[in-house]
Protein backbone atom coordinates (compact mmCIF):
# COMPACT_ATOMS: atom_id res chain seq x y z
CA MET A 1 26.05 26.34 11.42
CA LYS A 2 23.67 25.50 14.24
CA ARG A 3 23.63 21.84 15.26
CA PHE A 4 20.40 19.88 15.70
CA THR A 5 19.53 18.34 19.07
CA ASN A 6 16.54 16.19 18.07
CA TYR A 7 17.45 12.57 17.25
CA ASN A 8 14.79 12.55 14.54
CA HIS A 9 17.34 14.41 12.41
CA THR A 10 19.83 11.61 13.06
CA ILE A 11 17.30 9.11 11.74
CA TYR A 12 16.49 11.30 8.72
CA ALA A 13 20.19 11.59 7.88
CA SER A 14 20.44 7.81 8.22
CA TYR A 15 17.57 7.41 5.76
CA LEU A 16 19.50 9.58 3.29
CA GLY A 17 22.57 7.45 4.01
CA TYR A 18 20.80 4.34 2.79
CA ILE A 19 19.48 6.24 -0.22
CA THR A 20 23.10 7.12 -0.97
CA GLN A 21 24.05 3.46 -0.76
CA ALA A 22 21.20 2.60 -3.10
CA ILE A 23 22.57 5.09 -5.62
CA VAL A 24 26.12 3.73 -5.56
CA ASN A 25 24.93 0.11 -5.78
CA ASN A 26 22.20 0.44 -8.39
CA PHE A 27 22.99 3.29 -10.78
CA ALA A 28 25.84 1.57 -12.62
CA PRO A 29 23.88 -1.67 -13.32
CA LEU A 30 21.37 0.38 -15.33
CA LEU A 31 24.28 1.24 -17.62
CA PHE A 32 25.82 -2.22 -18.01
CA LEU A 33 24.78 -2.59 -21.65
CA THR A 34 25.74 1.04 -22.33
CA PHE A 35 29.20 0.43 -20.86
CA SER A 36 29.48 -2.70 -23.00
CA LYS A 37 28.69 -0.75 -26.19
CA ASP A 38 30.55 2.50 -25.43
CA TYR A 39 33.72 0.95 -24.02
CA SER A 40 33.65 -2.44 -25.82
CA LEU A 41 33.45 -4.46 -22.60
CA THR A 42 32.72 -8.19 -22.48
CA LEU A 43 30.19 -9.69 -20.07
CA ASP A 44 32.88 -10.91 -17.69
CA LYS A 45 34.34 -7.39 -17.45
CA ILE A 46 30.88 -5.99 -16.76
CA THR A 47 30.43 -8.66 -14.10
CA PHE A 48 33.69 -7.59 -12.48
CA ILE A 49 32.29 -4.09 -11.90
CA THR A 50 29.74 -5.54 -9.48
CA THR A 51 32.28 -7.96 -8.02
CA LEU A 52 34.77 -5.16 -7.37
CA ASN A 53 32.11 -2.91 -5.83
CA PHE A 54 31.11 -5.42 -3.19
CA ALA A 55 34.65 -6.79 -2.76
CA VAL A 56 35.88 -3.33 -1.79
CA GLN A 57 32.88 -2.90 0.49
CA LEU A 58 33.62 -6.12 2.33
CA ILE A 59 37.28 -5.11 2.81
CA VAL A 60 36.07 -1.83 4.29
CA ASP A 61 33.64 -3.76 6.50
CA LEU A 62 36.49 -5.90 7.83
CA LEU A 63 38.77 -2.94 8.52
CA ALA A 64 35.95 -0.92 10.07
CA ALA A 65 35.65 -3.40 12.93
CA LYS A 66 39.03 -2.10 14.09
CA PHE A 67 39.15 1.62 13.23
CA VAL A 68 35.61 2.99 13.63
CA ASP A 69 35.59 2.96 17.45
CA LYS A 70 39.03 4.60 17.50
CA ILE A 71 38.29 7.33 14.95
CA GLY A 72 34.67 7.96 15.90
CA TYR A 73 31.36 7.57 14.15
CA ARG A 74 30.94 11.15 12.92
CA PRO A 75 34.27 11.44 11.02
CA CYS A 76 33.70 8.00 9.50
CA VAL A 77 30.13 8.60 8.34
CA VAL A 78 31.11 12.00 6.88
CA ALA A 79 34.02 10.36 5.04
CA ALA A 80 31.65 7.69 3.71
CA HIS A 81 29.55 10.30 1.95
CA ILE A 82 32.59 12.14 0.60
CA PHE A 83 33.87 8.90 -0.97
CA SER A 84 30.41 8.22 -2.44
CA PHE A 85 30.29 11.69 -3.96
CA SER A 86 33.81 11.32 -5.37
CA GLY A 87 33.09 7.93 -6.94
CA LEU A 88 29.92 9.03 -8.70
CA THR A 89 31.57 12.12 -10.17
CA ALA A 90 34.66 10.10 -11.13
CA MET A 91 32.46 7.65 -13.06
CA ALA A 92 31.34 10.54 -15.24
CA PHE A 93 34.83 11.86 -16.06
CA LEU A 94 37.61 9.30 -15.52
CA PRO A 95 36.74 6.89 -18.39
CA ASP A 96 37.25 9.76 -20.87
CA LEU A 97 40.30 11.22 -19.13
CA LEU A 98 42.28 7.97 -18.98
CA SER A 99 43.62 6.09 -22.00
CA ASN A 100 41.98 2.91 -20.65
CA SER A 101 38.30 3.68 -20.07
CA TYR A 102 37.74 0.46 -18.15
CA ILE A 103 40.42 1.39 -15.60
CA GLY A 104 38.67 4.73 -15.17
CA LEU A 105 35.40 2.96 -14.40
CA LEU A 106 37.09 0.65 -11.90
CA ILE A 107 38.73 3.56 -10.05
CA ALA A 108 35.32 5.22 -9.73
CA VAL A 109 33.83 1.96 -8.45
CA VAL A 110 36.54 1.66 -5.79
CA LEU A 111 35.88 5.21 -4.56
CA TYR A 112 32.13 4.89 -4.18
CA ALA A 113 32.46 1.33 -2.86
CA ILE A 114 34.54 2.65 0.06
CA GLY A 115 31.67 5.01 0.82
CA GLY A 116 29.07 2.28 0.46
CA GLY A 117 30.99 -0.07 2.74
CA LEU A 118 31.28 2.55 5.47
CA ILE A 119 27.61 3.44 5.20
CA GLU A 120 26.60 -0.21 5.63
CA VAL A 121 28.73 -0.54 8.76
CA LEU A 122 27.77 2.77 10.36
CA ILE A 123 24.11 3.55 9.68
CA SER A 124 22.49 0.52 11.36
CA PRO A 125 24.29 0.92 14.71
CA ILE A 126 23.71 4.69 14.62
CA VAL A 127 19.95 4.11 14.38
CA GLU A 128 20.03 1.17 16.80
CA ALA A 129 21.69 3.44 19.38
CA CYS A 130 19.15 6.26 19.07
CA PRO A 131 16.88 6.50 22.15
CA THR A 132 13.77 5.12 20.41
CA GLU A 133 11.41 2.18 20.98
CA LYS A 134 10.52 -0.81 18.76
CA LYS A 135 14.04 -1.47 17.52
CA GLU A 136 13.06 -4.26 15.09
CA ALA A 137 10.47 -2.00 13.46
CA ALA A 138 12.95 0.89 13.29
CA MET A 139 15.59 -1.34 11.68
CA SER A 140 13.18 -2.68 9.07
CA LEU A 141 11.90 0.81 8.24
CA LEU A 142 15.48 2.11 7.99
CA HIS A 143 16.41 -0.58 5.49
CA SER A 144 13.27 0.16 3.47
CA PHE A 145 14.88 3.48 2.49
CA TYR A 146 17.54 1.56 0.60
CA CYS A 147 14.66 0.20 -1.45
CA TRP A 148 13.03 3.60 -1.94
CA GLY A 149 16.40 4.93 -3.02
CA HIS A 150 16.68 2.05 -5.47
CA VAL A 151 13.21 2.88 -6.85
CA ALA A 152 14.13 6.54 -7.18
CA VAL A 153 17.34 5.65 -9.02
CA VAL A 154 15.51 3.47 -11.53
CA LEU A 155 12.48 5.75 -12.05
CA CYS A 156 14.38 9.02 -12.24
CA SER A 157 17.17 7.53 -14.36
CA THR A 158 14.67 5.92 -16.74
CA ALA A 159 12.81 9.23 -17.10
CA PHE A 160 16.09 11.05 -17.66
CA PHE A 161 17.19 8.58 -20.35
CA ARG A 162 13.77 8.83 -21.96
CA PHE A 163 13.75 12.62 -22.24
CA PHE A 164 17.43 13.49 -22.53
CA GLY A 165 18.89 10.30 -24.02
CA ILE A 166 21.07 7.66 -22.46
CA GLY A 167 24.09 9.35 -24.05
CA ASN A 168 23.84 12.00 -21.31
CA TRP A 169 24.26 9.49 -18.47
CA LYS A 170 27.40 11.29 -17.25
CA LEU A 171 25.36 14.38 -16.40
CA LEU A 172 22.95 12.20 -14.45
CA ALA A 173 25.84 10.65 -12.51
CA CYS A 174 26.83 14.14 -11.36
CA ILE A 175 23.23 14.91 -10.38
CA TRP A 176 23.02 11.75 -8.26
CA ALA A 177 26.32 12.73 -6.63
CA LEU A 178 24.57 15.74 -5.05
CA VAL A 179 22.73 13.41 -2.61
CA PRO A 180 25.84 12.23 -0.69
CA LEU A 181 27.25 15.75 -0.91
CA ALA A 182 24.19 17.18 0.86
CA ASN A 183 24.16 14.39 3.45
CA THR A 184 27.80 15.07 4.25
CA VAL A 185 26.72 18.44 5.64
CA TYR A 186 23.66 16.95 7.37
CA PHE A 187 25.73 14.39 9.32
CA LEU A 188 27.99 17.18 10.55
CA LEU A 189 24.99 18.73 12.30
CA VAL A 190 22.97 15.85 13.79
CA PRO A 191 23.45 14.36 17.31
CA LEU A 192 24.94 10.86 17.63
CA TYR A 193 24.13 8.67 20.64
CA PRO A 194 26.86 6.35 22.05
CA ILE A 195 26.64 2.92 20.39
CA VAL A 196 27.77 0.66 23.27
CA ASN A 197 29.62 1.70 26.41
CA GLU A 198 33.19 0.38 26.52
CA HIS A 199 32.69 -1.58 29.77
CA GLU A 200 29.57 -3.30 28.40
CA ARG A 201 30.99 -4.37 25.02
CA ILE A 202 31.42 -8.10 24.32
CA PRO A 203 35.09 -8.86 23.47
CA LEU A 204 35.65 -9.75 19.82
CA GLY A 205 37.23 -13.09 20.73
CA THR A 206 34.22 -14.08 22.82
CA MET A 207 31.87 -13.26 19.97
CA LEU A 208 33.92 -15.19 17.42
CA ARG A 209 33.80 -18.33 19.56
CA GLN A 210 29.99 -18.50 19.47
CA LYS A 211 28.53 -20.89 16.88
CA ALA A 212 25.39 -18.77 16.58
CA PHE A 213 27.51 -15.86 15.35
CA TRP A 214 28.88 -17.92 12.46
CA LEU A 215 25.41 -19.15 11.57
CA LEU A 216 24.28 -15.53 11.47
CA MET A 217 27.24 -14.74 9.21
CA LEU A 218 26.25 -17.52 6.79
CA THR A 219 22.68 -16.23 6.75
CA MET A 220 23.93 -12.72 5.95
CA VAL A 221 26.05 -14.05 3.07
CA CYS A 222 23.02 -15.70 1.53
CA ALA A 223 20.79 -12.69 2.28
CA GLY A 224 23.09 -10.45 0.26
CA ALA A 225 23.40 -13.04 -2.51
CA CYS A 226 19.62 -13.54 -2.80
CA GLU A 227 19.03 -9.81 -3.01
CA GLN A 228 21.75 -8.75 -5.40
CA ALA A 229 21.79 -11.77 -7.71
CA MET A 230 18.35 -10.73 -8.94
CA SER A 231 18.64 -6.98 -8.39
CA GLN A 232 21.91 -6.49 -10.26
CA TRP A 233 20.94 -8.62 -13.25
CA ALA A 234 17.21 -7.83 -13.52
CA SER A 235 17.63 -5.09 -16.11
CA ALA A 236 20.01 -7.03 -18.36
CA PHE A 237 17.96 -10.22 -17.82
CA ALA A 238 14.75 -8.49 -18.93
CA GLU A 239 16.41 -7.10 -22.07
CA SER A 240 18.46 -10.10 -23.19
CA ALA A 241 16.53 -13.12 -21.92
CA LEU A 242 12.94 -11.83 -21.90
CA HIS A 243 13.41 -9.59 -24.98
CA VAL A 244 11.66 -6.48 -23.69
CA SER A 245 12.77 -2.86 -24.19
CA LYS A 246 15.20 -1.20 -21.78
CA THR A 247 12.48 1.11 -20.44
CA ILE A 248 10.07 -1.77 -19.77
CA GLY A 249 12.91 -3.93 -18.46
CA ASP A 250 14.10 -1.30 -15.98
CA LEU A 251 10.59 -0.50 -14.72
CA ALA A 252 9.27 -4.07 -14.51
CA GLY A 253 12.58 -5.57 -13.41
CA PRO A 254 14.79 -3.73 -10.90
CA CYS A 255 12.24 -1.00 -10.19
CA ALA A 256 9.40 -3.38 -9.34
CA PHE A 257 11.89 -5.52 -7.41
CA ALA A 258 12.87 -2.54 -5.26
CA ILE A 259 9.26 -1.42 -4.72
CA PHE A 260 8.25 -4.85 -3.42
CA MET A 261 11.37 -5.05 -1.25
CA GLY A 262 10.64 -1.63 0.24
CA CYS A 263 6.98 -2.50 0.82
CA VAL A 264 7.72 -5.65 2.79
CA ARG A 265 10.25 -3.81 4.97
CA ALA A 266 7.86 -0.93 5.61
CA LEU A 267 4.97 -3.33 6.33
CA TYR A 268 7.05 -5.33 8.77
CA GLY A 269 8.14 -2.09 10.38
CA LYS A 270 4.47 -1.33 11.03
CA TYR A 271 3.25 -4.82 12.00
CA SER A 272 6.36 -6.31 13.61
CA GLU A 273 4.55 -6.88 16.91
CA ARG A 274 1.97 -9.10 15.19
CA ILE A 275 4.20 -11.05 12.81
CA PRO A 276 6.81 -13.47 14.27
CA LEU A 277 10.19 -12.72 12.71
CA LYS A 278 11.07 -16.41 12.46
CA LYS A 279 7.92 -17.26 10.49
CA MET A 280 8.34 -14.17 8.32
CA MET A 281 11.87 -15.15 7.34
CA LEU A 282 11.03 -18.80 6.70
CA ALA A 283 8.03 -17.92 4.54
CA SER A 284 10.15 -15.39 2.67
CA ALA A 285 12.81 -18.03 1.96
CA VAL A 286 10.20 -20.38 0.45
CA LEU A 287 8.77 -17.53 -1.65
CA CYS A 288 12.28 -16.58 -2.81
CA ILE A 289 12.91 -20.13 -4.05
CA CYS A 290 9.66 -20.01 -6.02
CA CYS A 291 10.50 -16.59 -7.51
CA TYR A 292 13.89 -17.71 -8.80
CA LEU A 293 12.30 -20.78 -10.33
CA ILE A 294 9.62 -18.68 -12.04
CA ALA A 295 12.13 -16.16 -13.43
CA ALA A 296 14.54 -18.83 -14.65
CA LEU A 297 12.15 -21.44 -16.05
CA SER A 298 9.25 -19.41 -17.41
CA GLY A 299 9.18 -18.90 -21.15
CA ASN A 300 6.62 -16.12 -20.83
CA PRO A 301 8.15 -12.60 -20.47
CA VAL A 302 5.26 -11.34 -18.33
CA ILE A 303 5.48 -14.27 -15.90
CA GLY A 304 9.27 -13.96 -15.85
CA LEU A 305 9.04 -10.28 -14.91
CA ILE A 306 6.49 -11.12 -12.21
CA GLY A 307 9.02 -13.57 -10.77
CA CYS A 308 11.70 -10.83 -10.77
CA ALA A 309 9.38 -8.35 -9.06
CA LEU A 310 8.04 -10.73 -6.39
CA CYS A 311 11.59 -11.75 -5.60
CA GLY A 312 11.98 -8.27 -4.11
CA PHE A 313 9.13 -8.98 -1.70
CA SER A 314 10.69 -12.31 -0.73
CA VAL A 315 14.18 -11.01 0.04
CA GLY A 316 13.16 -7.80 1.80
CA ILE A 317 13.19 -9.13 5.35
CA PHE A 318 16.42 -11.16 5.11
CA TRP A 319 18.95 -8.37 5.74
CA PRO A 320 17.20 -6.31 8.48
CA GLY A 321 15.72 -9.49 10.00
CA THR A 322 19.16 -11.03 10.41
CA PHE A 323 20.45 -7.80 11.97
CA SER A 324 17.53 -7.80 14.42
CA THR A 325 18.12 -11.45 15.29
CA ALA A 326 21.81 -10.76 15.91
CA ALA A 327 20.94 -7.80 18.16
CA VAL A 328 18.85 -10.18 20.29
CA ILE A 329 21.52 -12.88 20.52
CA LEU A 330 24.50 -10.51 20.97
CA PRO A 331 23.02 -7.27 22.33
CA ASN A 332 26.35 -5.77 23.47
CA ALA A 333 28.55 -6.76 20.56
CA GLY A 334 28.93 -3.18 19.32
CA THR A 335 30.64 -2.03 16.13
CA ALA A 336 32.54 -5.27 15.55
CA MET A 337 29.36 -7.29 15.14
CA TYR A 338 27.76 -4.82 12.74
CA ALA A 339 30.97 -4.53 10.74
CA LEU A 340 31.42 -8.30 10.40
CA MET A 341 27.73 -8.82 9.62
CA ALA A 342 27.97 -6.14 6.93
CA LEU A 343 31.11 -7.88 5.65
CA ALA A 344 29.20 -11.16 5.38
CA GLY A 345 26.33 -9.44 3.60
CA ASP A 346 28.73 -7.82 1.14
CA VAL A 347 30.40 -11.18 0.49
CA GLY A 348 26.97 -12.36 -0.56
CA CYS A 349 26.28 -9.21 -2.56
CA SER A 350 29.49 -9.83 -4.47
CA ALA A 351 29.10 -13.60 -4.77
CA GLY A 352 25.45 -13.64 -5.87
CA PRO A 353 25.71 -11.50 -9.04
CA SER A 354 29.16 -12.91 -9.79
CA VAL A 355 27.91 -16.51 -9.68
CA VAL A 356 25.01 -15.61 -11.96
CA GLY A 357 27.32 -13.79 -14.38
CA PHE A 358 29.99 -16.47 -14.52
CA ILE A 359 27.47 -19.31 -14.93
CA ALA A 360 25.73 -17.35 -17.68
CA ASN A 361 29.01 -16.49 -19.41
CA ALA A 362 30.15 -20.12 -19.33
CA ASN A 363 26.89 -21.21 -20.98
CA GLY A 364 26.63 -18.82 -23.90
CA ASN A 365 25.44 -15.76 -21.90
CA ASN A 366 22.41 -17.71 -20.67
CA LEU A 367 21.20 -15.55 -17.78
CA LYS A 368 18.26 -17.88 -17.11
CA LEU A 369 20.68 -20.67 -16.24
CA GLY A 370 22.69 -18.29 -14.06
CA LEU A 371 19.59 -17.29 -12.10
CA LEU A 372 18.51 -20.89 -11.76
CA PHE A 373 21.83 -21.75 -10.10
CA ALA A 374 21.30 -18.89 -7.60
CA ILE A 375 18.41 -20.84 -6.02
CA VAL A 376 20.99 -22.37 -3.66
CA PHE A 377 21.10 -19.12 -1.64
CA PRO A 378 17.47 -19.04 -0.39
CA ILE A 379 17.68 -22.78 0.27
CA VAL A 380 20.61 -22.18 2.64
CA ILE A 381 18.66 -19.37 4.36
CA LEU A 382 15.67 -21.66 4.85
CA PHE A 383 17.71 -24.29 6.66
CA GLY A 384 19.98 -21.78 8.41
CA ILE A 385 17.15 -19.78 9.99
CA SER A 386 15.36 -22.96 11.06
CA HIS A 387 18.51 -24.24 12.76
CA LEU A 388 19.37 -20.87 14.32
CA TYR A 389 16.01 -20.40 15.98
CA LYS A 390 15.96 -24.01 17.10
CA ARG A 391 19.40 -23.69 18.74
CA GLN A 392 18.88 -20.30 20.31
CA LYS A 393 15.20 -20.71 21.20
CA ILE A 394 14.55 -17.04 20.46
CA GLY A 395 10.93 -16.81 21.33
CA ARG A 396 9.61 -13.83 23.20
CA THR A 397 11.63 -11.12 21.51
CA SER A 398 11.47 -12.21 17.88
CA ASP A 399 8.50 -14.54 17.87
């Protein structure tokens, strides 16, 4: 096959990479209640599916800081999509092939989680390295494709369940698996620009001794927790706590959440030169606190769903904004920084939904109480960002 030379193809493949990650992170949660009924799984076992997904991703993030530079970006990003493809197809077949269906599901989760972890580590630095301008805008727009992928997963899956029945979810899993399969080929053909030259790279030990780095890590933990605590439980929350149908719950819960999250990332990508990143993140943290309160305390289903949806708008800037801030503070950190930041984000992605699930399970499956407890995450972001910008005095680049 003929290779591409235009870096626009690299960016397009990266967009598809984040769509792939959206599929592996958000398809299974739409089936949580189906898994519970079909395989007789308790709420804590369902919770462990999300916990395992992000736990495996964070292990991959940690290991990637060591092996990616040695192996190379192209082999690693191709492998990421192969693992994602394998996990999605395994989810369709392994539960029926093994005597223990739950073990089959967990094996599938491990496979696609390896792919998701690699994608999170690799895609951001690949785009950051491309010879383009307006890096903050490019990063925000890139991360918006995770949201559009999330929307596509919810809308297309909901339509599929509506017309073909939720009993055919295994066929849909195989259809979604075609996306990483196609992107495997695409990444074999696109050009990749060097991330950071070896002689310019900040040593890992030097980076780990900087207090700002650890504050950034804490912010990433809470960014992942804020996002996934609502995103992963929105569908089940709408059905069980707000008592709406699955179709309405999926569309008004995780789908609306993802649309708002994608919109804020795309808007910031367009207007980043006019909107100070610091003020954007602080305002988003305040809005996120309000959204969790609305979702958890409102007795009105409509208002509760509005809280879920607007939460997507509030959390949208946290992840790419923290990456952009880190790139300003540690511009030559290279793969290690992105890997460890992704690790921190995945710790949050695992901790957020897990905290909600365990709190709910301990209080009679009360998801409202679980979501109320999750308010601690945006509160930490609010104080963390304030302190970070005060210490580092990041003004001209981000403000």
